[in-house]
N, C-alpha and C. Protein backbone atom coordinates (compact mmCIF):
# COMPACT_ATOMS: atom_id res chain seq x y z
N UNK A 1 63.43 -20.64 -61.39
CA UNK A 1 63.34 -19.20 -61.56
C UNK A 1 63.32 -18.54 -60.19
N UNK A 2 64.07 -17.49 -60.04
CA UNK A 2 64.13 -16.77 -58.77
C UNK A 2 62.90 -15.89 -58.60
N UNK A 3 62.36 -15.87 -57.41
CA UNK A 3 61.23 -15.01 -57.08
C UNK A 3 61.74 -13.60 -56.86
N UNK A 4 61.22 -12.63 -57.62
CA UNK A 4 61.68 -11.25 -57.52
C UNK A 4 60.67 -10.34 -56.83
N UNK A 5 59.53 -10.86 -56.47
CA UNK A 5 58.51 -10.03 -55.84
C UNK A 5 58.81 -9.85 -54.36
N UNK A 6 58.42 -8.67 -53.84
CA UNK A 6 58.57 -8.41 -52.41
C UNK A 6 57.53 -9.17 -51.60
N UNK A 7 56.34 -9.32 -52.16
CA UNK A 7 55.23 -10.00 -51.47
C UNK A 7 54.76 -11.17 -52.30
N UNK A 8 54.37 -12.26 -51.64
CA UNK A 8 53.83 -13.41 -52.36
C UNK A 8 52.46 -13.06 -52.94
N UNK A 9 52.22 -13.53 -54.14
CA UNK A 9 50.92 -13.31 -54.77
C UNK A 9 50.03 -14.51 -54.52
N UNK A 10 48.74 -14.24 -54.44
CA UNK A 10 47.75 -15.29 -54.21
C UNK A 10 46.91 -15.43 -55.47
N UNK A 11 46.70 -16.68 -55.89
CA UNK A 11 45.90 -16.93 -57.08
C UNK A 11 44.45 -16.52 -56.84
N UNK A 12 43.90 -15.79 -57.79
CA UNK A 12 42.52 -15.37 -57.73
C UNK A 12 41.95 -15.45 -59.15
N UNK A 13 40.67 -15.29 -59.27
CA UNK A 13 40.00 -15.22 -60.56
C UNK A 13 38.89 -14.18 -60.42
N UNK A 14 39.27 -12.92 -60.67
CA UNK A 14 38.34 -11.81 -60.48
C UNK A 14 38.24 -10.99 -61.76
N UNK A 15 37.05 -10.48 -62.01
CA UNK A 15 36.85 -9.59 -63.16
C UNK A 15 37.37 -8.21 -62.82
N UNK A 16 38.00 -7.57 -63.80
CA UNK A 16 38.52 -6.23 -63.61
C UNK A 16 38.36 -5.41 -64.86
N UNK A 17 38.59 -4.11 -64.72
CA UNK A 17 38.56 -3.20 -65.85
C UNK A 17 39.79 -2.30 -65.78
N UNK A 18 40.50 -2.20 -66.89
CA UNK A 18 41.64 -1.30 -67.01
C UNK A 18 41.10 0.00 -67.58
N UNK A 19 41.22 1.09 -66.80
CA UNK A 19 40.70 2.39 -67.23
C UNK A 19 41.85 3.36 -67.46
N UNK A 20 41.78 4.09 -68.58
CA UNK A 20 42.82 5.07 -68.91
C UNK A 20 42.27 6.05 -69.94
N UNK A 21 42.59 7.31 -69.78
CA UNK A 21 42.28 8.34 -70.75
C UNK A 21 40.92 8.26 -71.41
N UNK A 22 39.90 7.95 -70.65
CA UNK A 22 38.56 7.85 -71.22
C UNK A 22 38.24 6.50 -71.83
N UNK A 23 39.21 5.59 -71.89
CA UNK A 23 38.98 4.25 -72.44
C UNK A 23 38.93 3.21 -71.33
N UNK A 24 38.44 2.02 -71.68
CA UNK A 24 38.36 0.93 -70.71
C UNK A 24 38.51 -0.40 -71.43
N UNK A 25 39.23 -1.33 -70.81
CA UNK A 25 39.44 -2.67 -71.35
C UNK A 25 39.16 -3.66 -70.23
N UNK A 26 38.33 -4.66 -70.52
CA UNK A 26 38.06 -5.71 -69.54
C UNK A 26 39.28 -6.60 -69.38
N UNK A 27 39.47 -7.12 -68.16
CA UNK A 27 40.58 -8.04 -67.90
C UNK A 27 40.15 -9.03 -66.82
N UNK A 28 40.99 -10.04 -66.63
CA UNK A 28 40.80 -11.00 -65.55
C UNK A 28 42.02 -10.93 -64.65
N UNK A 29 41.80 -10.73 -63.36
CA UNK A 29 42.88 -10.67 -62.39
C UNK A 29 43.21 -12.12 -62.02
N UNK A 30 44.45 -12.55 -62.31
CA UNK A 30 44.82 -13.94 -62.10
C UNK A 30 45.56 -14.18 -60.81
N UNK A 31 46.36 -13.22 -60.36
CA UNK A 31 46.96 -13.32 -59.04
C UNK A 31 47.15 -11.92 -58.49
N UNK A 32 47.23 -11.84 -57.17
CA UNK A 32 47.11 -10.56 -56.50
C UNK A 32 47.92 -10.57 -55.21
N UNK A 33 48.58 -9.44 -54.93
CA UNK A 33 49.25 -9.24 -53.65
C UNK A 33 48.96 -7.81 -53.21
N UNK A 34 49.54 -7.42 -52.09
CA UNK A 34 49.38 -6.04 -51.62
C UNK A 34 50.07 -5.05 -52.55
N UNK A 35 51.06 -5.53 -53.31
CA UNK A 35 51.88 -4.62 -54.11
C UNK A 35 51.69 -4.73 -55.62
N UNK A 36 50.98 -5.77 -56.11
CA UNK A 36 50.82 -5.91 -57.54
C UNK A 36 49.92 -7.06 -57.93
N UNK A 37 49.82 -7.27 -59.26
CA UNK A 37 48.93 -8.30 -59.78
C UNK A 37 49.36 -8.73 -61.17
N UNK A 38 48.84 -9.86 -61.62
CA UNK A 38 48.97 -10.30 -63.01
C UNK A 38 47.57 -10.27 -63.61
N UNK A 39 47.46 -9.68 -64.79
CA UNK A 39 46.17 -9.49 -65.44
C UNK A 39 46.16 -10.19 -66.79
N UNK A 40 45.12 -10.98 -67.06
CA UNK A 40 44.93 -11.55 -68.39
C UNK A 40 44.15 -10.55 -69.22
N UNK A 41 44.63 -10.30 -70.43
CA UNK A 41 43.98 -9.36 -71.35
C UNK A 41 43.89 -10.02 -72.73
N UNK A 42 42.99 -9.54 -73.56
CA UNK A 42 42.88 -10.05 -74.92
C UNK A 42 44.17 -9.77 -75.68
N UNK A 43 44.68 -8.55 -75.51
CA UNK A 43 45.95 -8.15 -76.10
C UNK A 43 46.53 -7.00 -75.28
N UNK A 44 47.83 -7.01 -75.01
CA UNK A 44 48.42 -5.90 -74.26
C UNK A 44 48.66 -4.66 -75.13
N UNK A 45 48.45 -4.78 -76.43
CA UNK A 45 48.66 -3.66 -77.34
C UNK A 45 47.66 -2.54 -77.03
N UNK A 46 48.17 -1.33 -76.88
CA UNK A 46 47.31 -0.19 -76.61
C UNK A 46 47.07 0.10 -75.14
N UNK A 47 47.53 -0.79 -74.27
CA UNK A 47 47.40 -0.55 -72.83
C UNK A 47 48.59 0.30 -72.40
N UNK A 48 48.34 1.48 -71.83
CA UNK A 48 49.45 2.37 -71.45
C UNK A 48 50.24 1.83 -70.26
N UNK A 49 51.39 2.45 -69.99
CA UNK A 49 52.25 2.03 -68.88
C UNK A 49 51.65 2.34 -67.51
N UNK A 50 50.73 3.32 -67.45
CA UNK A 50 50.08 3.70 -66.20
C UNK A 50 48.58 3.74 -66.43
N UNK A 51 47.81 3.12 -65.52
CA UNK A 51 46.35 3.11 -65.65
C UNK A 51 45.73 2.81 -64.30
N UNK A 52 44.40 2.86 -64.25
CA UNK A 52 43.66 2.51 -63.03
C UNK A 52 42.99 1.16 -63.25
N UNK A 53 43.20 0.25 -62.30
CA UNK A 53 42.54 -1.05 -62.32
C UNK A 53 41.33 -0.98 -61.41
N UNK A 54 40.16 -1.30 -61.96
CA UNK A 54 38.94 -1.35 -61.16
C UNK A 54 38.61 -2.82 -60.93
N UNK A 55 38.60 -3.24 -59.67
CA UNK A 55 38.21 -4.60 -59.31
C UNK A 55 36.70 -4.59 -59.18
N UNK A 56 36.02 -5.31 -60.07
CA UNK A 56 34.57 -5.22 -60.14
C UNK A 56 33.88 -5.69 -58.86
N UNK A 57 34.42 -6.71 -58.22
CA UNK A 57 33.85 -7.15 -56.93
C UNK A 57 34.31 -6.17 -55.86
N UNK A 58 33.45 -5.27 -55.44
CA UNK A 58 33.80 -4.30 -54.42
C UNK A 58 34.10 -2.92 -54.96
N UNK A 59 34.37 -2.80 -56.27
CA UNK A 59 34.60 -1.50 -56.87
C UNK A 59 35.89 -0.81 -56.46
N UNK A 60 36.90 -1.57 -56.05
CA UNK A 60 38.18 -1.00 -55.65
C UNK A 60 38.91 -0.41 -56.87
N UNK A 61 39.48 0.79 -56.71
CA UNK A 61 40.28 1.44 -57.76
C UNK A 61 41.74 1.44 -57.33
N UNK A 62 42.62 0.89 -58.17
CA UNK A 62 44.04 0.78 -57.86
C UNK A 62 44.87 1.42 -58.98
N UNK A 63 45.75 2.32 -58.62
CA UNK A 63 46.66 2.94 -59.58
C UNK A 63 47.76 1.93 -59.91
N UNK A 64 48.02 1.69 -61.21
CA UNK A 64 48.95 0.64 -61.63
C UNK A 64 50.04 1.16 -62.57
N UNK A 65 51.21 0.54 -62.46
CA UNK A 65 52.30 0.73 -63.40
C UNK A 65 52.66 -0.63 -63.97
N UNK A 66 52.73 -0.74 -65.29
CA UNK A 66 53.07 -2.01 -65.93
C UNK A 66 54.55 -2.31 -65.70
N UNK A 67 54.83 -3.53 -65.23
CA UNK A 67 56.20 -3.97 -64.97
C UNK A 67 56.68 -4.90 -66.08
N UNK A 68 55.79 -5.74 -66.60
CA UNK A 68 56.14 -6.64 -67.70
C UNK A 68 54.90 -6.93 -68.54
N UNK A 69 55.15 -7.36 -69.79
CA UNK A 69 54.08 -7.70 -70.73
C UNK A 69 54.44 -9.01 -71.43
N UNK A 70 53.46 -9.88 -71.56
CA UNK A 70 53.60 -11.11 -72.33
C UNK A 70 52.46 -11.15 -73.34
N UNK A 71 52.31 -12.25 -74.03
CA UNK A 71 51.34 -12.32 -75.12
C UNK A 71 49.93 -11.90 -74.70
N UNK A 72 49.41 -12.46 -73.63
CA UNK A 72 48.05 -12.12 -73.19
C UNK A 72 47.98 -11.84 -71.69
N UNK A 73 49.11 -11.47 -71.11
CA UNK A 73 49.15 -11.20 -69.67
C UNK A 73 50.09 -10.03 -69.41
N UNK A 74 49.72 -9.19 -68.44
CA UNK A 74 50.61 -8.12 -68.01
C UNK A 74 50.77 -8.17 -66.50
N UNK A 75 51.95 -7.79 -66.04
CA UNK A 75 52.22 -7.70 -64.61
C UNK A 75 52.26 -6.23 -64.21
N UNK A 76 51.60 -5.91 -63.10
CA UNK A 76 51.54 -4.52 -62.66
C UNK A 76 51.96 -4.38 -61.21
N UNK A 77 52.45 -3.18 -60.89
CA UNK A 77 52.79 -2.80 -59.52
C UNK A 77 51.80 -1.70 -59.13
N UNK A 78 51.29 -1.77 -57.92
CA UNK A 78 50.35 -0.75 -57.44
C UNK A 78 51.10 0.47 -56.93
N UNK A 79 50.48 1.61 -57.10
CA UNK A 79 51.04 2.84 -56.54
C UNK A 79 51.46 3.82 -57.57
């Protein structure tokens, strides 16, 4: 498979929260780069195309756009 990312992602295991329109969904950040991440979720259903990812360790808030969705994982781009 060809690598399509601009930056290499690093494997991590961090707790996160997807926040949107007054709602919040817990997630696990599985890999991370300066430009995006892969998030494990219970279900991608109901998660909007744009949301804020809160990294619980450190409280970082990142604006995200969904790039792809799979059964229990979504890929996002920051910005």
